[in-house]
């Protein structure tokens, strides 16, 4: 009944991508540590690079166990099973990796337009073995829809951070040694504070996300880059534009302001040139009018005076 492969078989690639949820299992090395099992079910977050590598967009939650276990030992198993259609279970075994939000590797995979609210990392797996089993004991369930609560919750928290973007974060550091009171400098209602309070360590005390995560780099700058450019364009045509987007443009993106200033200078130059051209046109019209008047004067007024 069970089969094992060195990579994802071709016939399972589309089946995996069609599933509405999957499970991620990991564990610490300590025998006293807690084994973690996390369900993942946000549409479009799971990706197959090739038959030996997969990754998913890791969204913010109450913990960061998978990241902590990858950082310590790298052991990860991802499981899919069928709720509809023929019974099937597929396990992907391998070595896990992760790229935090703000890193070049993260941004190469998740651009600012596609990033979901609360996205904090890319978690991936270099596959060493694939196992399939029958799944006969998994009951039938009918899929209705994906839940929106996590996305809505994260969006509200990130909005708080965007409102506060005018307040500069602490300077970037090269290590994880961040002042203990640094978290007090950020809004407790925002996502950055949540990360620092819930996602820096596992429940066993293992390091998870970097200690400076959300502090040592202004994460909102990363995914707000294109939004700020759009805000700059909209600010030129709409009065009373929102404070949040103004802050993004004025504080974060000096290059946007430079571009606007350049456009203003160009407009001033064009206005001066237009004034000069208009002056010469008026001068030429006046000159031509004078010539017409002189011709009229010599052909009508002067002969009548002679009579």
C-alpha atoms as a PDB file:
ATOM      1  CA  UNK A   1       0.000   0.000   0.000  1.00  0.00           C
ATOM      2  CA  UNK A   2       2.749   2.481   0.900  1.00  0.00           C
ATOM      3  CA  UNK A   3       5.360   3.707  -1.584  1.00  0.00           C
ATOM      4  CA  UNK A   4       8.497   5.835  -1.242  1.00  0.00           C
ATOM      5  CA  UNK A   5      10.191   8.059  -3.801  1.00  0.00           C
ATOM      6  CA  UNK A   6      13.296  10.246  -3.918  1.00  0.00           C
ATOM      7  CA  UNK A   7      11.263  13.168  -5.250  1.00  0.00           C
ATOM      8  CA  UNK A   8       7.651  14.154  -5.865  1.00  0.00           C
ATOM      9  CA  UNK A   9       6.250  11.887  -8.587  1.00  0.00           C
ATOM     10  CA  UNK A  10       4.921  13.775 -11.586  1.00  0.00           C
ATOM     11  CA  UNK A  11       1.369  12.545 -11.077  1.00  0.00           C
ATOM     12  CA  UNK A  12       1.294  13.986  -7.529  1.00  0.00           C
ATOM     13  CA  UNK A  13       2.381  17.535  -8.396  1.00  0.00           C
ATOM     14  CA  UNK A  14      -1.041  18.723  -9.534  1.00  0.00           C
ATOM     15  CA  UNK A  15      -2.785  16.744  -6.781  1.00  0.00           C
ATOM     16  CA  UNK A  16      -0.711  18.475  -4.098  1.00  0.00           C
ATOM     17  CA  UNK A  17      -1.460  21.918  -5.515  1.00  0.00           C
ATOM     18  CA  UNK A  18      -5.179  21.116  -5.604  1.00  0.00           C
ATOM     19  CA  UNK A  19      -5.383  20.412  -1.846  1.00  0.00           C
ATOM     20  CA  UNK A  20      -6.962  23.074   0.342  1.00  0.00           C
ATOM     21  CA  UNK A  21      -4.744  22.474   3.377  1.00  0.00           C
ATOM     22  CA  UNK A  22      -1.598  20.736   4.596  1.00  0.00           C
ATOM     23  CA  UNK A  23       0.204  19.999   7.859  1.00  0.00           C
ATOM     24  CA  UNK A  24       3.756  20.858   8.927  1.00  0.00           C
ATOM     25  CA  UNK A  25       5.473  18.731  11.600  1.00  0.00           C
ATOM     26  CA  UNK A  26       8.763  19.485  13.375  1.00  0.00           C
ATOM     27  CA  UNK A  27      10.415  18.824  16.725  1.00  0.00           C
ATOM     28  CA  UNK A  28      13.367  19.956  18.850  1.00  0.00           C
ATOM     29  CA  UNK A  29      16.302  17.693  19.596  1.00  0.00           C
ATOM     30  CA  UNK A  30      15.644  17.619  23.318  1.00  0.00           C
ATOM     31  CA  UNK A  31      13.577  14.619  24.459  1.00  0.00           C
ATOM     32  CA  UNK A  32      11.782  17.008  26.814  1.00  0.00           C
ATOM     33  CA  UNK A  33      10.931  19.361  23.958  1.00  0.00           C
ATOM     34  CA  UNK A  34       7.491  19.688  22.402  1.00  0.00           C
ATOM     35  CA  UNK A  35       6.694  18.173  19.007  1.00  0.00           C
ATOM     36  CA  UNK A  36       4.869  20.697  16.839  1.00  0.00           C
ATOM     37  CA  UNK A  37       2.148  20.082  14.264  1.00  0.00           C
ATOM     38  CA  UNK A  38       0.692  23.066  12.400  1.00  0.00           C
ATOM     39  CA  UNK A  39      -2.200  23.154   9.926  1.00  0.00           C
ATOM     40  CA  UNK A  40      -1.792  25.513   6.969  1.00  0.00           C
ATOM     41  CA  UNK A  41      -4.744  26.468   4.831  1.00  0.00           C
ATOM     42  CA  UNK A  42      -4.422  29.832   3.087  1.00  0.00           C
ATOM     43  CA  UNK A  43      -5.017  29.573  -0.632  1.00  0.00           C
ATOM     44  CA  UNK A  44      -2.029  30.215  -2.866  1.00  0.00           C
ATOM     45  CA  UNK A  45       0.638  30.054  -0.161  1.00  0.00           C
ATOM     46  CA  UNK A  46       2.130  26.665  -1.084  1.00  0.00           C
ATOM     47  CA  UNK A  47       4.546  26.470  -4.024  1.00  0.00           C
ATOM     48  CA  UNK A  48       6.441  23.703  -5.780  1.00  0.00           C
ATOM     49  CA  UNK A  49       9.759  24.946  -7.190  1.00  0.00           C
ATOM     50  CA  UNK A  50      10.653  21.549  -8.597  1.00  0.00           C
ATOM     51  CA  UNK A  51      10.142  17.941  -7.544  1.00  0.00           C
ATOM     52  CA  UNK A  52      12.818  18.248  -4.848  1.00  0.00           C
ATOM     53  CA  UNK A  53      12.035  21.672  -3.389  1.00  0.00           C
ATOM     54  CA  UNK A  54       8.845  23.292  -2.059  1.00  0.00           C
ATOM     55  CA  UNK A  55       8.075  26.362   0.029  1.00  0.00           C
ATOM     56  CA  UNK A  56       5.154  28.202   1.582  1.00  0.00           C
ATOM     57  CA  UNK A  57       4.503  31.742   2.752  1.00  0.00           C
ATOM     58  CA  UNK A  58       4.605  31.628   6.543  1.00  0.00           C
ATOM     59  CA  UNK A  59       1.956  33.816   8.163  1.00  0.00           C
ATOM     60  CA  UNK A  60       2.093  35.288  11.648  1.00  0.00           C
ATOM     61  CA  UNK A  61       0.548  33.332  14.501  1.00  0.00           C
ATOM     62  CA  UNK A  62       0.784  32.684  18.202  1.00  0.00           C
ATOM     63  CA  UNK A  63       4.155  30.970  17.868  1.00  0.00           C
ATOM     64  CA  UNK A  64       7.052  30.218  15.530  1.00  0.00           C
ATOM     65  CA  UNK A  65       7.805  26.598  16.390  1.00  0.00           C
ATOM     66  CA  UNK A  66       8.615  25.455  12.855  1.00  0.00           C
ATOM     67  CA  UNK A  67      11.165  28.238  12.361  1.00  0.00           C
ATOM     68  CA  UNK A  68      12.749  27.476  15.738  1.00  0.00           C
ATOM     69  CA  UNK A  69      13.087  23.778  14.947  1.00  0.00           C
ATOM     70  CA  UNK A  70      14.499  24.483  11.494  1.00  0.00           C
ATOM     71  CA  UNK A  71      17.023  26.826  13.061  1.00  0.00           C
ATOM     72  CA  UNK A  72      18.058  24.112  15.537  1.00  0.00           C
ATOM     73  CA  UNK A  73      18.001  20.905  13.475  1.00  0.00           C
ATOM     74  CA  UNK A  74      16.197  21.394  10.148  1.00  0.00           C
ATOM     75  CA  UNK A  75      13.943  18.322  10.371  1.00  0.00           C
ATOM     76  CA  UNK A  76      10.530  18.950   8.803  1.00  0.00           C
ATOM     77  CA  UNK A  77       7.737  16.804   7.404  1.00  0.00           C
ATOM     78  CA  UNK A  78       4.860  18.219   5.343  1.00  0.00           C
ATOM     79  CA  UNK A  79       1.702  16.111   5.037  1.00  0.00           C
ATOM     80  CA  UNK A  80      -1.211  16.295   2.591  1.00  0.00           C
ATOM     81  CA  UNK A  81      -4.285  14.095   2.661  1.00  0.00           C
ATOM     82  CA  UNK A  82      -7.443  13.863   0.604  1.00  0.00           C
ATOM     83  CA  UNK A  83     -10.745  14.975   2.103  1.00  0.00           C
ATOM     84  CA  UNK A  84     -12.550  14.468  -1.205  1.00  0.00           C
ATOM     85  CA  UNK A  85     -12.147  11.939  -4.009  1.00  0.00           C
ATOM     86  CA  UNK A  86      -9.912   8.864  -3.743  1.00  0.00           C
ATOM     87  CA  UNK A  87      -8.231   8.364  -0.375  1.00  0.00           C
ATOM     88  CA  UNK A  88      -4.557   9.370  -0.247  1.00  0.00           C
ATOM     89  CA  UNK A  89      -1.862  10.611   2.121  1.00  0.00           C
ATOM     90  CA  UNK A  90       1.400  12.159   0.926  1.00  0.00           C
ATOM     91  CA  UNK A  91       4.326  13.020   3.195  1.00  0.00           C
ATOM     92  CA  UNK A  92       7.245  15.186   2.127  1.00  0.00           C
ATOM     93  CA  UNK A  93      10.362  14.557   4.247  1.00  0.00           C
ATOM     94  CA  UNK A  94      13.430  16.726   4.133  1.00  0.00           C
ATOM     95  CA  UNK A  95      15.641  19.522   5.393  1.00  0.00           C
ATOM     96  CA  UNK A  96      13.841  22.735   6.168  1.00  0.00           C
ATOM     97  CA  UNK A  97      14.991  26.279   5.495  1.00  0.00           C
ATOM     98  CA  UNK A  98      13.495  29.711   6.070  1.00  0.00           C
ATOM     99  CA  UNK A  99      13.990  33.266   4.840  1.00  0.00           C
ATOM    100  CA  UNK A 100      12.752  36.088   7.031  1.00  0.00           C
ATOM    101  CA  UNK A 101      10.751  39.030   5.757  1.00  0.00           C
ATOM    102  CA  UNK A 102      13.131  41.752   4.655  1.00  0.00           C
ATOM    103  CA  UNK A 103      15.823  39.390   3.374  1.00  0.00           C
ATOM    104  CA  UNK A 104      16.743  39.363  -0.339  1.00  0.00           C
ATOM    105  CA  UNK A 105      15.775  35.684  -0.520  1.00  0.00           C
ATOM    106  CA  UNK A 106      12.311  36.416   0.843  1.00  0.00           C
ATOM    107  CA  UNK A 107      11.701  39.291  -1.547  1.00  0.00           C
ATOM    108  CA  UNK A 108      12.871  37.181  -4.482  1.00  0.00           C
ATOM    109  CA  UNK A 109       9.988  34.793  -3.775  1.00  0.00           C
ATOM    110  CA  UNK A 110       7.311  37.087  -2.318  1.00  0.00           C
ATOM    111  CA  UNK A 111       6.995  40.478  -3.972  1.00  0.00           C
ATOM    112  CA  UNK A 112       5.302  43.485  -2.413  1.00  0.00           C
ATOM    113  CA  UNK A 113       2.160  43.064  -4.501  1.00  0.00           C
ATOM    114  CA  UNK A 114       1.526  39.407  -3.703  1.00  0.00           C
ATOM    115  CA  UNK A 115       2.591  39.444  -0.034  1.00  0.00           C
ATOM    116  CA  UNK A 116      -0.236  38.589   2.351  1.00  0.00           C
ATOM    117  CA  UNK A 117      -0.812  40.620   5.535  1.00  0.00           C
ATOM    118  CA  UNK A 118       1.092  39.027   8.392  1.00  0.00           C
ATOM    119  CA  UNK A 119       3.577  37.253   6.139  1.00  0.00           C
ATOM    120  CA  UNK A 120       6.775  36.969   8.174  1.00  0.00           C
ATOM    121  CA  UNK A 121       8.924  34.400   6.357  1.00  0.00           C
ATOM    122  CA  UNK A 122       9.274  31.861   3.597  1.00  0.00           C
ATOM    123  CA  UNK A 123       9.509  28.325   4.969  1.00  0.00           C
ATOM    124  CA  UNK A 124      10.790  25.710   2.560  1.00  0.00           C
ATOM    125  CA  UNK A 125      11.814  22.094   2.313  1.00  0.00           C
ATOM    126  CA  UNK A 126      14.584  20.428   0.375  1.00  0.00           C
ATOM    127  CA  UNK A 127      13.005  17.025  -0.143  1.00  0.00           C
ATOM    128  CA  UNK A 128      14.948  13.854   0.679  1.00  0.00           C
ATOM    129  CA  UNK A 129      12.032  11.381   0.561  1.00  0.00           C
ATOM    130  CA  UNK A 130       8.374  11.283  -0.445  1.00  0.00           C
ATOM    131  CA  UNK A 131       5.981   8.742   1.063  1.00  0.00           C
ATOM    132  CA  UNK A 132       2.459   7.842  -0.011  1.00  0.00           C
ATOM    133  CA  UNK A 133      -0.037   5.767   1.981  1.00  0.00           C
ATOM    134  CA  UNK A 134      -3.654   4.769   1.546  1.00  0.00           C
ATOM    135  CA  UNK A 135      -5.442   7.260   3.774  1.00  0.00           C
ATOM    136  CA  UNK A 136      -8.430   4.951   4.161  1.00  0.00           C
ATOM    137  CA  UNK A 137      -9.161   6.154   7.692  1.00  0.00           C
ATOM    138  CA  UNK A 138      -9.403   9.839   6.730  1.00  0.00           C
ATOM    139  CA  UNK A 139     -13.109  10.774   6.611  1.00  0.00           C
ATOM    140  CA  UNK A 140     -14.814  12.680   3.829  1.00  0.00           C
ATOM    141  CA  UNK A 141     -15.163  16.403   4.330  1.00  0.00           C
ATOM    142  CA  UNK A 142     -16.631  18.925   1.927  1.00  0.00           C
ATOM    143  CA  UNK A 143     -14.633  22.113   1.416  1.00  0.00           C
ATOM    144  CA  UNK A 144     -16.732  25.274   1.786  1.00  0.00           C
ATOM    145  CA  UNK A 145     -14.305  28.179   1.881  1.00  0.00           C
ATOM    146  CA  UNK A 146     -11.124  29.544   3.434  1.00  0.00           C
ATOM    147  CA  UNK A 147     -11.339  31.570   6.628  1.00  0.00           C
ATOM    148  CA  UNK A 148     -10.477  35.292   6.565  1.00  0.00           C
ATOM    149  CA  UNK A 149      -9.923  35.896  10.274  1.00  0.00           C
ATOM    150  CA  UNK A 150      -6.125  35.553  10.240  1.00  0.00           C
ATOM    151  CA  UNK A 151      -5.701  37.868   7.256  1.00  0.00           C
ATOM    152  CA  UNK A 152      -8.068  40.473   8.715  1.00  0.00           C
ATOM    153  CA  UNK A 153      -6.333  40.320  12.105  1.00  0.00           C
ATOM    154  CA  UNK A 154      -2.882  40.764  10.558  1.00  0.00           C
ATOM    155  CA  UNK A 155      -4.058  43.566   8.291  1.00  0.00           C
ATOM    156  CA  UNK A 156      -5.273  45.580  11.275  1.00  0.00           C
ATOM    157  CA  UNK A 157      -1.975  45.116  13.098  1.00  0.00           C
ATOM    158  CA  UNK A 158       0.105  46.068  10.068  1.00  0.00           C
ATOM    159  CA  UNK A 159      -2.040  49.163   9.567  1.00  0.00           C
ATOM    160  CA  UNK A 160      -0.962  50.274  13.045  1.00  0.00           C
ATOM    161  CA  UNK A 161       2.685  49.844  12.041  1.00  0.00           C
ATOM    162  CA  UNK A 162       2.136  51.773   8.826  1.00  0.00           C
ATOM    163  CA  UNK A 163       0.521  54.610  10.766  1.00  0.00           C
ATOM    164  CA  UNK A 164       3.596  54.685  12.984  1.00  0.00           C
ATOM    165  CA  UNK A 165       6.115  54.492  10.155  1.00  0.00           C
ATOM    166  CA  UNK A 166       7.115  58.126  10.693  1.00  0.00           C
ATOM    167  CA  UNK A 167       8.698  57.043  13.969  1.00  0.00           C
ATOM    168  CA  UNK A 168      12.107  55.664  12.971  1.00  0.00           C
ATOM    169  CA  UNK A 169      13.028  52.167  14.196  1.00  0.00           C
ATOM    170  CA  UNK A 170      16.253  51.495  16.006  1.00  0.00           C
ATOM    171  CA  UNK A 171      19.417  51.383  13.946  1.00  0.00           C
ATOM    172  CA  UNK A 172      20.201  48.107  12.146  1.00  0.00           C
ATOM    173  CA  UNK A 173      22.459  45.765  14.047  1.00  0.00           C
ATOM    174  CA  UNK A 174      24.652  42.935  12.884  1.00  0.00           C
ATOM    175  CA  UNK A 175      23.825  40.520  15.722  1.00  0.00           C
ATOM    176  CA  UNK A 176      20.801  39.457  17.678  1.00  0.00           C
ATOM    177  CA  UNK A 177      21.824  41.603  20.653  1.00  0.00           C
ATOM    178  CA  UNK A 178      19.009  44.144  20.767  1.00  0.00           C
ATOM    179  CA  UNK A 179      18.440  46.418  23.789  1.00  0.00           C
ATOM    180  CA  UNK A 180      15.905  44.817  26.120  1.00  0.00           C
ATOM    181  CA  UNK A 181      13.756  47.956  26.087  1.00  0.00           C
ATOM    182  CA  UNK A 182      13.748  48.244  22.275  1.00  0.00           C
ATOM    183  CA  UNK A 183      10.352  46.562  22.053  1.00  0.00           C
ATOM    184  CA  UNK A 184       8.947  49.319  24.249  1.00  0.00           C
ATOM    185  CA  UNK A 185       9.647  51.808  21.457  1.00  0.00           C
ATOM    186  CA  UNK A 186       7.076  50.266  19.126  1.00  0.00           C
ATOM    187  CA  UNK A 187       3.293  50.324  19.294  1.00  0.00           C
ATOM    188  CA  UNK A 188       1.961  47.374  21.326  1.00  0.00           C
ATOM    189  CA  UNK A 189      -1.025  47.162  18.980  1.00  0.00           C
ATOM    190  CA  UNK A 190       1.128  46.609  15.897  1.00  0.00           C
ATOM    191  CA  UNK A 191       2.523  43.522  14.205  1.00  0.00           C
ATOM    192  CA  UNK A 192       6.133  44.337  15.048  1.00  0.00           C
ATOM    193  CA  UNK A 193       5.325  44.211  18.752  1.00  0.00           C
ATOM    194  CA  UNK A 194       3.484  40.910  18.253  1.00  0.00           C
ATOM    195  CA  UNK A 195       6.514  39.374  16.567  1.00  0.00           C
ATOM    196  CA  UNK A 196       8.788  40.496  19.373  1.00  0.00           C
ATOM    197  CA  UNK A 197       6.393  39.240  22.050  1.00  0.00           C
ATOM    198  CA  UNK A 198       5.376  35.900  20.518  1.00  0.00           C
ATOM    199  CA  UNK A 199       7.671  34.842  17.680  1.00  0.00           C
ATOM    200  CA  UNK A 200      11.267  35.330  18.817  1.00  0.00           C
ATOM    201  CA  UNK A 201      11.405  32.138  20.919  1.00  0.00           C
ATOM    202  CA  UNK A 202       9.686  28.755  20.808  1.00  0.00           C
ATOM    203  CA  UNK A 203       7.691  27.426  23.741  1.00  0.00           C
ATOM    204  CA  UNK A 204      10.829  25.464  24.702  1.00  0.00           C
ATOM    205  CA  UNK A 205      12.940  28.640  24.654  1.00  0.00           C
ATOM    206  CA  UNK A 206      14.676  27.937  21.334  1.00  0.00           C
ATOM    207  CA  UNK A 207      15.494  30.958  19.127  1.00  0.00           C
ATOM    208  CA  UNK A 208      12.925  31.372  16.377  1.00  0.00           C
ATOM    209  CA  UNK A 209      12.719  34.634  14.417  1.00  0.00           C
ATOM    210  CA  UNK A 210      15.733  36.911  14.812  1.00  0.00           C
ATOM    211  CA  UNK A 211      15.810  38.954  18.006  1.00  0.00           C
ATOM    212  CA  UNK A 212      15.895  42.112  15.923  1.00  0.00           C
ATOM    213  CA  UNK A 213      12.991  41.022  13.724  1.00  0.00           C
ATOM    214  CA  UNK A 214      10.749  44.016  13.077  1.00  0.00           C
ATOM    215  CA  UNK A 215      13.198  46.260  14.921  1.00  0.00           C
ATOM    216  CA  UNK A 216      16.571  46.251  13.200  1.00  0.00           C
ATOM    217  CA  UNK A 217      15.038  46.868   9.788  1.00  0.00           C
ATOM    218  CA  UNK A 218      11.831  48.777   9.024  1.00  0.00           C
ATOM    219  CA  UNK A 219       9.848  45.869   7.647  1.00  0.00           C
ATOM    220  CA  UNK A 220       7.038  48.105   6.395  1.00  0.00           C
ATOM    221  CA  UNK A 221       9.490  49.762   4.002  1.00  0.00           C
ATOM    222  CA  UNK A 222      10.046  46.451   2.272  1.00  0.00           C
ATOM    223  CA  UNK A 223       6.503  45.637   1.200  1.00  0.00           C
ATOM    224  CA  UNK A 224       5.445  49.298   1.118  1.00  0.00           C
ATOM    225  CA  UNK A 225       7.811  50.284  -1.690  1.00  0.00           C
ATOM    226  CA  UNK A 226       5.298  50.090  -4.538  1.00  0.00           C
ATOM    227  CA  UNK A 227       2.484  51.320  -2.316  1.00  0.00           C
ATOM    228  CA  UNK A 228       4.482  54.478  -1.574  1.00  0.00           C
ATOM    229  CA  UNK A 229       4.991  55.170  -5.270  1.00  0.00           C
ATOM    230  CA  UNK A 230       1.268  54.809  -5.849  1.00  0.00           C
ATOM    231  CA  UNK A 231       0.611  57.078  -2.877  1.00  0.00           C
ATOM    232  CA  UNK A 232       2.915  59.748  -4.305  1.00  0.00           C
ATOM    233  CA  UNK A 233       1.033  59.689  -7.595  1.00  0.00           C
ATOM    234  CA  UNK A 234      -2.352  59.808  -5.900  1.00  0.00           C
ATOM    235  CA  UNK A 235      -1.248  62.610  -3.572  1.00  0.00           C
ATOM    236  CA  UNK A 236      -0.713  64.841  -6.599  1.00  0.00           C
ATOM    237  CA  UNK A 237      -4.350  64.527  -7.681  1.00  0.00           C
ATOM    238  CA  UNK A 238      -6.274  64.101  -4.431  1.00  0.00           C
ATOM    239  CA  UNK A 239      -6.596  66.639  -1.624  1.00  0.00           C
ATOM    240  CA  UNK A 240      -6.643  65.556   1.990  1.00  0.00           C
ATOM    241  CA  UNK A 241      -4.773  62.320   1.281  1.00  0.00           C
ATOM    242  CA  UNK A 242      -4.548  59.945   4.268  1.00  0.00           C
ATOM    243  CA  UNK A 243      -1.846  60.545   6.871  1.00  0.00           C
ATOM    244  CA  UNK A 244      -0.583  56.963   6.627  1.00  0.00           C
ATOM    245  CA  UNK A 245       0.352  57.145   2.952  1.00  0.00           C
ATOM    246  CA  UNK A 246       1.791  60.643   3.294  1.00  0.00           C
ATOM    247  CA  UNK A 247       4.073  59.307   6.007  1.00  0.00           C
ATOM    248  CA  UNK A 248       5.196  56.466   3.769  1.00  0.00           C
ATOM    249  CA  UNK A 249       6.093  58.870   0.988  1.00  0.00           C
ATOM    250  CA  UNK A 250       7.676  61.662   3.010  1.00  0.00           C
ATOM    251  CA  UNK A 251       9.539  59.617   5.583  1.00  0.00           C
ATOM    252  CA  UNK A 252      10.453  56.425   3.820  1.00  0.00           C
ATOM    253  CA  UNK A 253      10.984  57.230   0.210  1.00  0.00           C
ATOM    254  CA  UNK A 254      13.180  60.240  -0.323  1.00  0.00           C
ATOM    255  CA  UNK A 255      13.597  59.207  -3.930  1.00  0.00           C
ATOM    256  CA  UNK A 256       9.863  59.723  -4.501  1.00  0.00           C
ATOM    257  CA  UNK A 257      10.083  63.258  -3.127  1.00  0.00           C
ATOM    258  CA  UNK A 258      13.142  63.916  -5.294  1.00  0.00           C
ATOM    259  CA  UNK A 259      11.199  62.791  -8.339  1.00  0.00           C
ATOM    260  CA  UNK A 260       8.314  65.107  -7.445  1.00  0.00           C
ATOM    261  CA  UNK A 261      10.709  68.016  -6.955  1.00  0.00           C
ATOM    262  CA  UNK A 262      12.315  67.269 -10.288  1.00  0.00           C
ATOM    263  CA  UNK A 263       8.924  67.331 -11.981  1.00  0.00           C
ATOM    264  CA  UNK A 264       8.184  70.683 -10.303  1.00  0.00           C
ATOM    265  CA  UNK A 265      11.464  72.158 -11.518  1.00  0.00           C
ATOM    266  CA  UNK A 266      10.773  70.915 -15.031  1.00  0.00           C
ATOM    267  CA  UNK A 267       7.324  72.516 -14.902  1.00  0.00           C
ATOM    268  CA  UNK A 268       8.867  75.858 -13.878  1.00  0.00           C
ATOM    269  CA  UNK A 269      11.289  75.686 -16.791  1.00  0.00           C
ATOM    270  CA  UNK A 270       8.459  74.959 -19.218  1.00  0.00           C
ATOM    271  CA  UNK A 271       6.462  77.892 -17.792  1.00  0.00           C
ATOM    272  CA  UNK A 272       9.394  80.268 -18.390  1.00  0.00           C
ATOM    273  CA  UNK A 273       9.863  79.017 -21.938  1.00  0.00           C
ATOM    274  CA  UNK A 274       6.143  79.407 -22.612  1.00  0.00           C
ATOM    275  CA  UNK A 275       6.266  83.003 -21.367  1.00  0.00           C
ATOM    276  CA  UNK A 276       9.163  83.829 -23.680  1.00  0.00           C
ATOM    277  CA  UNK A 277       7.408  82.273 -26.674  1.00  0.00           C
ATOM    278  CA  UNK A 278       4.211  84.152 -25.879  1.00  0.00           C
ATOM    279  CA  UNK A 279       6.131  87.438 -25.672  1.00  0.00           C
ATOM    280  CA  UNK A 280       7.642  86.924 -29.117  1.00  0.00           C
ATOM    281  CA  UNK A 281       4.261  85.986 -30.586  1.00  0.00           C
ATOM    282  CA  UNK A 282       2.700  89.161 -29.207  1.00  0.00           C
ATOM    283  CA  UNK A 283       5.657  91.149 -30.520  1.00  0.00           C
ATOM    284  CA  UNK A 284       5.289  89.682 -34.020  1.00  0.00           C
ATOM    285  CA  UNK A 285       1.544  90.292 -34.045  1.00  0.00           C
ATOM    286  CA  UNK A 286       2.102  93.893 -32.975  1.00  0.00           C
ATOM    287  CA  UNK A 287       4.792  94.379 -35.612  1.00  0.00           C
ATOM    288  CA  UNK A 288       2.575  92.993 -38.348  1.00  0.00           C
ATOM    289  CA  UNK A 289      -0.356  95.136 -37.190  1.00  0.00           C
ATOM    290  CA  UNK A 290       1.872  98.212 -37.370  1.00  0.00           C
ATOM    291  CA  UNK A 291       2.839  97.433 -40.946  1.00  0.00           C
ATOM    292  CA  UNK A 292      -0.778  96.975 -41.985  1.00  0.00           C
ATOM    293  CA  UNK A 293      -1.697 100.294 -40.391  1.00  0.00           C
ATOM    294  CA  UNK A 294       1.126 102.113 -42.188  1.00  0.00           C
ATOM    295  CA  UNK A 295       0.029 100.675 -45.522  1.00  0.00           C
ATOM    296  CA  UNK A 296      -3.541 101.773 -44.872  1.00  0.00           C
ATOM    297  CA  UNK A 297      -2.375 105.217 -43.800  1.00  0.00           C
ATOM    298  CA  UNK A 298      -0.285 105.776 -46.924  1.00  0.00           C
ATOM    299  CA  UNK A 299      -2.962 104.491 -49.310  1.00  0.00           C
ATOM    300  CA  UNK A 300      -6.022 106.271 -47.827  1.00  0.00           C
ATOM    301  CA  UNK A 301      -5.259 108.927 -45.232  1.00  0.00           C
ATOM    302  CA  UNK A 302      -2.335 110.749 -46.915  1.00  0.00           C
ATOM    303  CA  UNK A 303      -3.990 111.087 -50.414  1.00  0.00           C
ATOM    304  CA  UNK A 304      -7.124 112.537 -48.824  1.00  0.00           C
ATOM    305  CA  UNK A 305      -5.050 115.172 -47.048  1.00  0.00           C
ATOM    306  CA  UNK A 306      -3.497 116.149 -50.361  1.00  0.00           C
ATOM    307  CA  UNK A 307      -6.918 116.870 -51.888  1.00  0.00           C
END
